[in-house]
């Protein structure tokens, strides 16, 4: 009932109730209102918003009132500012941009030290997303790209999320874990065992869990609150790096992750 009421309330301001184009028209109007806010003019009045958008006064007033009600805008007297809800929604994207900027040189140094592709991951539910990459200079390589979304349960980065982020495990409970290869862990019992090892040694290694010819070594990156902020690691073809190389490369990856944590202002950890 509440959803229907809100839809009608927002839909009426377009003057195209029932039209298939109504959502697009409404978004355009909302966008035109939001573009009125800037660092130079952070708190325009309703009259200024109406003038800059070119919207009919009554339409603009109704839209602005609804945006205040939904938390998109805040009102202070006769002036308006960007609301807390929009600020909250923007924080994950802003944080991702900050962490990429602060750790870019560390990824590059790790790439140069190991001669393998270095990646930075953040978690979104039961998935992990690559937000930064320093590609290996080897001709033979597995491609990693920014924006690539991967499963949490397969690969070394996922073990680190499970080891250091309490909420990560909850996202996998009761779900079917896809078996990509014969090495893919498909039970929480096995994942719990792997995450305990990862937590104890400070890094994790995996071979052939998502692709039979790809391996990875990862370590945790902590933020200024001391909580897990991201996972940093290297990915490689297993024809070049194998289990015997983990004792050599694992500490290198862990050291890079500690440098990344320091760059984010993480407090000292034992």
C-alpha atoms as a PDB file:
ATOM      1  CA  UNK A   1       0.000   0.000   0.000  1.00  0.00           C
ATOM      2  CA  UNK A   2       2.776   2.408   0.938  1.00  0.00           C
ATOM      3  CA  UNK A   3       4.664   1.681  -2.307  1.00  0.00           C
ATOM      4  CA  UNK A   4       1.607   2.336  -4.444  1.00  0.00           C
ATOM      5  CA  UNK A   5       0.940   5.606  -2.664  1.00  0.00           C
ATOM      6  CA  UNK A   6       4.489   6.815  -3.226  1.00  0.00           C
ATOM      7  CA  UNK A   7       4.431   5.772  -6.888  1.00  0.00           C
ATOM      8  CA  UNK A   8       1.251   7.712  -7.504  1.00  0.00           C
ATOM      9  CA  UNK A   9       2.613  10.677  -5.584  1.00  0.00           C
ATOM     10  CA  UNK A  10       5.790  10.806  -7.660  1.00  0.00           C
ATOM     11  CA  UNK A  11       4.099   9.876 -10.942  1.00  0.00           C
ATOM     12  CA  UNK A  12       1.542  12.678 -10.844  1.00  0.00           C
ATOM     13  CA  UNK A  13       4.153  15.418 -11.143  1.00  0.00           C
ATOM     14  CA  UNK A  14       5.109  14.380 -14.671  1.00  0.00           C
ATOM     15  CA  UNK A  15       1.704  14.971 -16.116  1.00  0.00           C
ATOM     16  CA  UNK A  16       1.970  11.650 -17.974  1.00  0.00           C
ATOM     17  CA  UNK A  17       0.268   9.240 -15.619  1.00  0.00           C
ATOM     18  CA  UNK A  18      -0.009   5.805 -17.171  1.00  0.00           C
ATOM     19  CA  UNK A  19       2.575   6.527 -19.861  1.00  0.00           C
ATOM     20  CA  UNK A  20       5.455   4.115 -20.393  1.00  0.00           C
ATOM     21  CA  UNK A  21       7.836   7.091 -20.535  1.00  0.00           C
ATOM     22  CA  UNK A  22       6.803   8.477 -17.133  1.00  0.00           C
ATOM     23  CA  UNK A  23       9.768   7.036 -15.157  1.00  0.00           C
ATOM     24  CA  UNK A  24      12.265   8.492 -17.647  1.00  0.00           C
ATOM     25  CA  UNK A  25      10.585  11.898 -17.645  1.00  0.00           C
ATOM     26  CA  UNK A  26      10.545  11.891 -13.845  1.00  0.00           C
ATOM     27  CA  UNK A  27      14.222  10.965 -13.642  1.00  0.00           C
ATOM     28  CA  UNK A  28      15.094  13.778 -16.020  1.00  0.00           C
ATOM     29  CA  UNK A  29      13.252  16.260 -13.834  1.00  0.00           C
ATOM     30  CA  UNK A  30      14.961  14.954 -10.678  1.00  0.00           C
ATOM     31  CA  UNK A  31      18.327  15.104 -12.416  1.00  0.00           C
ATOM     32  CA  UNK A  32      17.739  18.692 -13.488  1.00  0.00           C
ATOM     33  CA  UNK A  33      16.950  19.591  -9.874  1.00  0.00           C
ATOM     34  CA  UNK A  34      20.035  17.856  -8.494  1.00  0.00           C
ATOM     35  CA  UNK A  35      22.291  19.615 -10.991  1.00  0.00           C
ATOM     36  CA  UNK A  36      21.289  22.902  -9.342  1.00  0.00           C
ATOM     37  CA  UNK A  37      23.466  21.930  -6.367  1.00  0.00           C
ATOM     38  CA  UNK A  38      27.202  22.515  -6.588  1.00  0.00           C
ATOM     39  CA  UNK A  39      30.187  23.586  -4.486  1.00  0.00           C
ATOM     40  CA  UNK A  40      29.606  27.133  -5.725  1.00  0.00           C
ATOM     41  CA  UNK A  41      25.858  27.030  -4.959  1.00  0.00           C
ATOM     42  CA  UNK A  42      25.294  24.358  -2.276  1.00  0.00           C
ATOM     43  CA  UNK A  43      21.975  25.708  -0.976  1.00  0.00           C
ATOM     44  CA  UNK A  44      19.754  27.259  -3.661  1.00  0.00           C
ATOM     45  CA  UNK A  45      16.251  28.502  -2.916  1.00  0.00           C
ATOM     46  CA  UNK A  46      13.160  26.996  -4.506  1.00  0.00           C
ATOM     47  CA  UNK A  47      12.907  30.027  -6.793  1.00  0.00           C
ATOM     48  CA  UNK A  48      16.497  29.530  -7.943  1.00  0.00           C
ATOM     49  CA  UNK A  49      15.878  25.807  -8.564  1.00  0.00           C
ATOM     50  CA  UNK A  50      12.741  26.595 -10.564  1.00  0.00           C
ATOM     51  CA  UNK A  51      14.546  29.177 -12.658  1.00  0.00           C
ATOM     52  CA  UNK A  52      17.571  26.979 -13.376  1.00  0.00           C
ATOM     53  CA  UNK A  53      15.585  23.864 -14.230  1.00  0.00           C
ATOM     54  CA  UNK A  54      12.991  25.627 -16.355  1.00  0.00           C
ATOM     55  CA  UNK A  55      10.317  23.419 -14.799  1.00  0.00           C
ATOM     56  CA  UNK A  56       6.813  24.760 -14.147  1.00  0.00           C
ATOM     57  CA  UNK A  57       6.752  26.255 -10.634  1.00  0.00           C
ATOM     58  CA  UNK A  58       4.059  23.879  -9.361  1.00  0.00           C
ATOM     59  CA  UNK A  59       5.859  20.800 -10.737  1.00  0.00           C
ATOM     60  CA  UNK A  60       9.196  21.889  -9.292  1.00  0.00           C
ATOM     61  CA  UNK A  61       7.650  22.620  -5.900  1.00  0.00           C
ATOM     62  CA  UNK A  62       5.955  19.200  -5.696  1.00  0.00           C
ATOM     63  CA  UNK A  63       9.138  17.396  -6.761  1.00  0.00           C
ATOM     64  CA  UNK A  64      11.302  19.279  -4.281  1.00  0.00           C
ATOM     65  CA  UNK A  65       8.821  18.601  -1.480  1.00  0.00           C
ATOM     66  CA  UNK A  66       8.830  14.875  -2.295  1.00  0.00           C
ATOM     67  CA  UNK A  67      12.644  14.844  -2.451  1.00  0.00           C
ATOM     68  CA  UNK A  68      12.770  16.418   1.006  1.00  0.00           C
ATOM     69  CA  UNK A  69      10.280  13.849   2.291  1.00  0.00           C
ATOM     70  CA  UNK A  70      12.396  10.991   0.908  1.00  0.00           C
ATOM     71  CA  UNK A  71      15.637  12.403   2.318  1.00  0.00           C
ATOM     72  CA  UNK A  72      17.167  13.303  -1.053  1.00  0.00           C
ATOM     73  CA  UNK A  73      17.151  16.983  -0.035  1.00  0.00           C
ATOM     74  CA  UNK A  74      17.203  18.841   3.278  1.00  0.00           C
ATOM     75  CA  UNK A  75      15.421  22.148   3.875  1.00  0.00           C
ATOM     76  CA  UNK A  76      16.752  24.960   6.022  1.00  0.00           C
ATOM     77  CA  UNK A  77      14.369  27.887   5.949  1.00  0.00           C
ATOM     78  CA  UNK A  78      13.886  28.800   2.306  1.00  0.00           C
ATOM     79  CA  UNK A  79      17.069  27.051   1.165  1.00  0.00           C
ATOM     80  CA  UNK A  80      17.735  23.434   0.220  1.00  0.00           C
ATOM     81  CA  UNK A  81      20.798  21.209   0.440  1.00  0.00           C
ATOM     82  CA  UNK A  82      21.674  17.666  -0.668  1.00  0.00           C
ATOM     83  CA  UNK A  83      20.073  15.300   1.818  1.00  0.00           C
ATOM     84  CA  UNK A  84      21.612  12.672   4.057  1.00  0.00           C
ATOM     85  CA  UNK A  85      20.200   9.775   2.033  1.00  0.00           C
ATOM     86  CA  UNK A  86      22.043  10.841  -1.117  1.00  0.00           C
ATOM     87  CA  UNK A  87      25.212  11.383   0.910  1.00  0.00           C
ATOM     88  CA  UNK A  88      24.928   7.880   2.347  1.00  0.00           C
ATOM     89  CA  UNK A  89      24.409   6.378  -1.106  1.00  0.00           C
ATOM     90  CA  UNK A  90      27.439   8.195  -2.458  1.00  0.00           C
ATOM     91  CA  UNK A  91      29.786   7.021   0.309  1.00  0.00           C
ATOM     92  CA  UNK A  92      30.562   3.545  -1.126  1.00  0.00           C
ATOM     93  CA  UNK A  93      31.518   5.046  -4.474  1.00  0.00           C
ATOM     94  CA  UNK A  94      33.537   7.817  -2.851  1.00  0.00           C
ATOM     95  CA  UNK A  95      35.311   5.318  -0.638  1.00  0.00           C
ATOM     96  CA  UNK A  96      36.166   3.122  -3.623  1.00  0.00           C
ATOM     97  CA  UNK A  97      37.664   6.116  -5.412  1.00  0.00           C
ATOM     98  CA  UNK A  98      39.713   7.043  -2.340  1.00  0.00           C
ATOM     99  CA  UNK A  99      41.034   3.554  -1.735  1.00  0.00           C
ATOM    100  CA  UNK A 100      42.019   3.177  -5.386  1.00  0.00           C
ATOM    101  CA  UNK A 101      43.889   6.465  -5.326  1.00  0.00           C
ATOM    102  CA  UNK A 102      45.661   5.727  -2.039  1.00  0.00           C
ATOM    103  CA  UNK A 103      46.754   2.205  -2.977  1.00  0.00           C
ATOM    104  CA  UNK A 104      47.524   2.574  -6.687  1.00  0.00           C
ATOM    105  CA  UNK A 105      51.273   2.851  -6.207  1.00  0.00           C
ATOM    106  CA  UNK A 106      51.264  -0.111  -3.820  1.00  0.00           C
ATOM    107  CA  UNK A 107      49.599  -2.311  -6.443  1.00  0.00           C
ATOM    108  CA  UNK A 108      52.172  -1.222  -8.973  1.00  0.00           C
ATOM    109  CA  UNK A 109      55.026  -1.992  -6.588  1.00  0.00           C
ATOM    110  CA  UNK A 110      53.536  -5.420  -5.831  1.00  0.00           C
ATOM    111  CA  UNK A 111      53.228  -6.088  -9.559  1.00  0.00           C
ATOM    112  CA  UNK A 112      56.883  -5.154 -10.030  1.00  0.00           C
ATOM    113  CA  UNK A 113      58.027  -7.259  -7.058  1.00  0.00           C
ATOM    114  CA  UNK A 114      56.140 -10.401  -8.040  1.00  0.00           C
ATOM    115  CA  UNK A 115      55.954  -9.827 -11.809  1.00  0.00           C
ATOM    116  CA  UNK A 116      52.293 -10.854 -11.624  1.00  0.00           C
ATOM    117  CA  UNK A 117      49.033  -8.919 -11.950  1.00  0.00           C
ATOM    118  CA  UNK A 118      48.067  -7.156  -8.719  1.00  0.00           C
ATOM    119  CA  UNK A 119      44.401  -6.520  -7.917  1.00  0.00           C
ATOM    120  CA  UNK A 120      42.325  -4.777  -5.267  1.00  0.00           C
ATOM    121  CA  UNK A 121      38.891  -6.162  -4.384  1.00  0.00           C
ATOM    122  CA  UNK A 122      35.887  -4.913  -2.431  1.00  0.00           C
ATOM    123  CA  UNK A 123      32.940  -7.059  -1.377  1.00  0.00           C
ATOM    124  CA  UNK A 124      29.300  -6.651  -2.351  1.00  0.00           C
ATOM    125  CA  UNK A 125      27.231  -9.338  -0.672  1.00  0.00           C
ATOM    126  CA  UNK A 126      28.353 -12.774  -1.835  1.00  0.00           C
ATOM    127  CA  UNK A 127      30.417 -11.258  -4.642  1.00  0.00           C
ATOM    128  CA  UNK A 128      33.755  -9.475  -4.904  1.00  0.00           C
ATOM    129  CA  UNK A 129      34.547  -6.753  -7.411  1.00  0.00           C
ATOM    130  CA  UNK A 130      37.905  -5.687  -8.789  1.00  0.00           C
ATOM    131  CA  UNK A 131      38.296  -1.938  -8.271  1.00  0.00           C
ATOM    132  CA  UNK A 132      41.946  -1.543  -9.274  1.00  0.00           C
ATOM    133  CA  UNK A 133      44.479  -3.512 -11.335  1.00  0.00           C
ATOM    134  CA  UNK A 134      48.195  -3.307 -12.108  1.00  0.00           C
ATOM    135  CA  UNK A 135      48.653  -5.693 -15.025  1.00  0.00           C
ATOM    136  CA  UNK A 136      51.645  -7.995 -15.305  1.00  0.00           C
ATOM    137  CA  UNK A 137      54.091  -7.299 -18.076  1.00  0.00           C
ATOM    138  CA  UNK A 138      54.312 -10.985 -18.975  1.00  0.00           C
ATOM    139  CA  UNK A 139      53.019 -11.905 -22.413  1.00  0.00           C
ATOM    140  CA  UNK A 140      51.291 -14.965 -20.952  1.00  0.00           C
ATOM    141  CA  UNK A 141      48.689 -13.716 -18.487  1.00  0.00           C
ATOM    142  CA  UNK A 142      45.144 -14.067 -17.274  1.00  0.00           C
ATOM    143  CA  UNK A 143      43.209 -10.841 -17.888  1.00  0.00           C
ATOM    144  CA  UNK A 144      41.853  -9.008 -14.845  1.00  0.00           C
ATOM    145  CA  UNK A 145      39.755  -5.889 -15.383  1.00  0.00           C
ATOM    146  CA  UNK A 146      38.302  -3.177 -13.205  1.00  0.00           C
ATOM    147  CA  UNK A 147      34.617  -3.817 -12.593  1.00  0.00           C
ATOM    148  CA  UNK A 148      34.945  -7.582 -12.962  1.00  0.00           C
ATOM    149  CA  UNK A 149      32.565  -9.306 -10.536  1.00  0.00           C
ATOM    150  CA  UNK A 150      33.603 -12.670  -9.118  1.00  0.00           C
ATOM    151  CA  UNK A 151      32.159 -15.193  -6.665  1.00  0.00           C
ATOM    152  CA  UNK A 152      33.218 -14.944  -3.045  1.00  0.00           C
ATOM    153  CA  UNK A 153      33.705 -18.648  -2.407  1.00  0.00           C
ATOM    154  CA  UNK A 154      36.188 -19.358  -5.222  1.00  0.00           C
ATOM    155  CA  UNK A 155      39.704 -17.920  -5.126  1.00  0.00           C
ATOM    156  CA  UNK A 156      42.069 -16.590  -2.474  1.00  0.00           C
ATOM    157  CA  UNK A 157      40.440 -13.120  -2.112  1.00  0.00           C
ATOM    158  CA  UNK A 158      37.219 -14.731  -0.923  1.00  0.00           C
ATOM    159  CA  UNK A 159      39.035 -16.614   1.835  1.00  0.00           C
ATOM    160  CA  UNK A 160      40.359 -13.323   3.145  1.00  0.00           C
ATOM    161  CA  UNK A 161      36.892 -11.744   3.138  1.00  0.00           C
ATOM    162  CA  UNK A 162      35.555 -14.766   4.999  1.00  0.00           C
ATOM    163  CA  UNK A 163      38.441 -14.700   7.476  1.00  0.00           C
ATOM    164  CA  UNK A 164      38.296 -11.012   8.380  1.00  0.00           C
ATOM    165  CA  UNK A 165      34.770  -9.803   7.563  1.00  0.00           C
ATOM    166  CA  UNK A 166      32.106 -11.413   9.811  1.00  0.00           C
ATOM    167  CA  UNK A 167      29.296 -10.405   7.457  1.00  0.00           C
ATOM    168  CA  UNK A 168      30.876 -12.147   4.468  1.00  0.00           C
ATOM    169  CA  UNK A 169      30.158 -15.628   5.803  1.00  0.00           C
ATOM    170  CA  UNK A 170      26.508 -14.772   6.442  1.00  0.00           C
ATOM    171  CA  UNK A 171      25.995 -13.920   2.778  1.00  0.00           C
ATOM    172  CA  UNK A 172      26.893 -17.496   1.788  1.00  0.00           C
ATOM    173  CA  UNK A 173      24.786 -19.332   4.367  1.00  0.00           C
ATOM    174  CA  UNK A 174      21.996 -21.320   2.763  1.00  0.00           C
ATOM    175  CA  UNK A 175      23.171 -20.615  -0.778  1.00  0.00           C
ATOM    176  CA  UNK A 176      24.305 -23.119  -3.357  1.00  0.00           C
ATOM    177  CA  UNK A 177      28.020 -22.740  -4.006  1.00  0.00           C
ATOM    178  CA  UNK A 178      28.733 -23.185  -7.693  1.00  0.00           C
ATOM    179  CA  UNK A 179      31.374 -25.780  -8.508  1.00  0.00           C
ATOM    180  CA  UNK A 180      33.522 -24.191 -11.222  1.00  0.00           C
ATOM    181  CA  UNK A 181      36.255 -26.836 -11.093  1.00  0.00           C
ATOM    182  CA  UNK A 182      37.031 -29.923  -9.056  1.00  0.00           C
ATOM    183  CA  UNK A 183      39.040 -27.649  -6.726  1.00  0.00           C
ATOM    184  CA  UNK A 184      36.172 -25.260  -5.966  1.00  0.00           C
ATOM    185  CA  UNK A 185      35.081 -25.385  -2.300  1.00  0.00           C
ATOM    186  CA  UNK A 186      31.352 -26.120  -2.253  1.00  0.00           C
ATOM    187  CA  UNK A 187      30.690 -26.463   1.476  1.00  0.00           C
ATOM    188  CA  UNK A 188      30.819 -24.007   4.349  1.00  0.00           C
ATOM    189  CA  UNK A 189      32.813 -26.543   6.348  1.00  0.00           C
ATOM    190  CA  UNK A 190      35.632 -26.421   3.823  1.00  0.00           C
ATOM    191  CA  UNK A 191      35.427 -22.641   3.490  1.00  0.00           C
ATOM    192  CA  UNK A 192      35.565 -22.236   7.267  1.00  0.00           C
ATOM    193  CA  UNK A 193      38.667 -24.388   7.376  1.00  0.00           C
ATOM    194  CA  UNK A 194      40.319 -22.370   4.621  1.00  0.00           C
ATOM    195  CA  UNK A 195      39.414 -19.063   6.246  1.00  0.00           C
ATOM    196  CA  UNK A 196      40.897 -20.186   9.578  1.00  0.00           C
ATOM    197  CA  UNK A 197      44.173 -20.913   7.819  1.00  0.00           C
ATOM    198  CA  UNK A 198      44.029 -17.533   6.076  1.00  0.00           C
ATOM    199  CA  UNK A 199      43.448 -15.717   9.350  1.00  0.00           C
ATOM    200  CA  UNK A 200      46.284 -17.548  11.090  1.00  0.00           C
ATOM    201  CA  UNK A 201      48.924 -16.866   8.432  1.00  0.00           C
ATOM    202  CA  UNK A 202      47.702 -13.442   7.293  1.00  0.00           C
ATOM    203  CA  UNK A 203      47.289 -14.390   3.648  1.00  0.00           C
ATOM    204  CA  UNK A 204      45.611 -17.037   1.516  1.00  0.00           C
ATOM    205  CA  UNK A 205      46.538 -18.949  -1.627  1.00  0.00           C
ATOM    206  CA  UNK A 206      44.233 -20.786  -4.029  1.00  0.00           C
ATOM    207  CA  UNK A 207      44.850 -22.732  -7.218  1.00  0.00           C
ATOM    208  CA  UNK A 208      42.357 -23.686  -9.898  1.00  0.00           C
ATOM    209  CA  UNK A 209      39.226 -22.891  -7.883  1.00  0.00           C
ATOM    210  CA  UNK A 210      37.507 -20.744 -10.511  1.00  0.00           C
ATOM    211  CA  UNK A 211      39.577 -21.592 -13.589  1.00  0.00           C
ATOM    212  CA  UNK A 212      41.755 -24.686 -13.620  1.00  0.00           C
ATOM    213  CA  UNK A 213      44.757 -22.725 -14.911  1.00  0.00           C
ATOM    214  CA  UNK A 214      44.563 -19.689 -12.592  1.00  0.00           C
ATOM    215  CA  UNK A 215      45.871 -19.142  -9.077  1.00  0.00           C
ATOM    216  CA  UNK A 216      45.814 -16.271  -6.600  1.00  0.00           C
ATOM    217  CA  UNK A 217      47.396 -15.110  -3.366  1.00  0.00           C
ATOM    218  CA  UNK A 218      45.656 -12.439  -1.280  1.00  0.00           C
ATOM    219  CA  UNK A 219      45.881 -10.556   2.022  1.00  0.00           C
ATOM    220  CA  UNK A 220      43.640  -8.191   4.025  1.00  0.00           C
ATOM    221  CA  UNK A 221      43.600  -4.401   3.816  1.00  0.00           C
ATOM    222  CA  UNK A 222      42.174  -2.614   6.857  1.00  0.00           C
ATOM    223  CA  UNK A 223      40.689   0.867   7.058  1.00  0.00           C
ATOM    224  CA  UNK A 224      41.018   3.586   9.667  1.00  0.00           C
ATOM    225  CA  UNK A 225      38.377   1.918  11.858  1.00  0.00           C
ATOM    226  CA  UNK A 226      40.409  -1.274  12.022  1.00  0.00           C
ATOM    227  CA  UNK A 227      37.795  -3.216  10.034  1.00  0.00           C
ATOM    228  CA  UNK A 228      38.443  -4.963   6.726  1.00  0.00           C
ATOM    229  CA  UNK A 229      38.255  -2.404   3.910  1.00  0.00           C
ATOM    230  CA  UNK A 230      39.411  -4.424   0.908  1.00  0.00           C
ATOM    231  CA  UNK A 231      41.493  -7.382  -0.203  1.00  0.00           C
ATOM    232  CA  UNK A 232      44.746  -7.021  -2.112  1.00  0.00           C
ATOM    233  CA  UNK A 233      46.423  -9.809  -4.041  1.00  0.00           C
ATOM    234  CA  UNK A 234      48.034 -11.204  -7.141  1.00  0.00           C
ATOM    235  CA  UNK A 235      46.597 -13.435  -9.850  1.00  0.00           C
ATOM    236  CA  UNK A 236      48.589 -15.628 -12.203  1.00  0.00           C
ATOM    237  CA  UNK A 237      48.590 -18.636 -14.532  1.00  0.00           C
ATOM    238  CA  UNK A 238      49.566 -21.712 -12.540  1.00  0.00           C
ATOM    239  CA  UNK A 239      52.045 -22.715 -15.223  1.00  0.00           C
ATOM    240  CA  UNK A 240      54.207 -19.874 -13.878  1.00  0.00           C
ATOM    241  CA  UNK A 241      53.372 -19.869 -10.158  1.00  0.00           C
ATOM    242  CA  UNK A 242      52.581 -22.982  -8.160  1.00  0.00           C
ATOM    243  CA  UNK A 243      52.056 -24.094  -4.529  1.00  0.00           C
ATOM    244  CA  UNK A 244      55.820 -24.230  -3.974  1.00  0.00           C
ATOM    245  CA  UNK A 245      55.966 -20.459  -4.568  1.00  0.00           C
ATOM    246  CA  UNK A 246      53.447 -19.566  -1.858  1.00  0.00           C
ATOM    247  CA  UNK A 247      55.988 -19.454   0.990  1.00  0.00           C
ATOM    248  CA  UNK A 248      57.968 -16.913  -1.028  1.00  0.00           C
ATOM    249  CA  UNK A 249      55.149 -14.786  -2.453  1.00  0.00           C
ATOM    250  CA  UNK A 250      52.642 -14.949   0.431  1.00  0.00           C
ATOM    251  CA  UNK A 251      54.689 -12.721   2.773  1.00  0.00           C
ATOM    252  CA  UNK A 252      55.310 -10.272  -0.091  1.00  0.00           C
ATOM    253  CA  UNK A 253      51.575  -9.917  -0.697  1.00  0.00           C
ATOM    254  CA  UNK A 254      50.924  -9.608   3.049  1.00  0.00           C
ATOM    255  CA  UNK A 255      53.534  -6.849   3.330  1.00  0.00           C
ATOM    256  CA  UNK A 256      51.916  -4.953   0.452  1.00  0.00           C
ATOM    257  CA  UNK A 257      48.531  -5.293   2.162  1.00  0.00           C
ATOM    258  CA  UNK A 258      49.998  -3.864   5.382  1.00  0.00           C
ATOM    259  CA  UNK A 259      51.346  -0.916   3.404  1.00  0.00           C
ATOM    260  CA  UNK A 260      47.890  -0.404   1.904  1.00  0.00           C
ATOM    261  CA  UNK A 261      46.339  -0.553   5.389  1.00  0.00           C
ATOM    262  CA  UNK A 262      48.805   2.080   6.592  1.00  0.00           C
ATOM    263  CA  UNK A 263      47.906   4.269   3.611  1.00  0.00           C
ATOM    264  CA  UNK A 264      44.250   4.065   4.701  1.00  0.00           C
ATOM    265  CA  UNK A 265      45.139   5.043   8.265  1.00  0.00           C
ATOM    266  CA  UNK A 266      44.534   1.643   9.831  1.00  0.00           C
ATOM    267  CA  UNK A 267      45.579   1.313  13.487  1.00  0.00           C
ATOM    268  CA  UNK A 268      48.413  -1.114  14.237  1.00  0.00           C
ATOM    269  CA  UNK A 269      47.414  -4.765  14.296  1.00  0.00           C
ATOM    270  CA  UNK A 270      49.141  -7.704  15.900  1.00  0.00           C
END
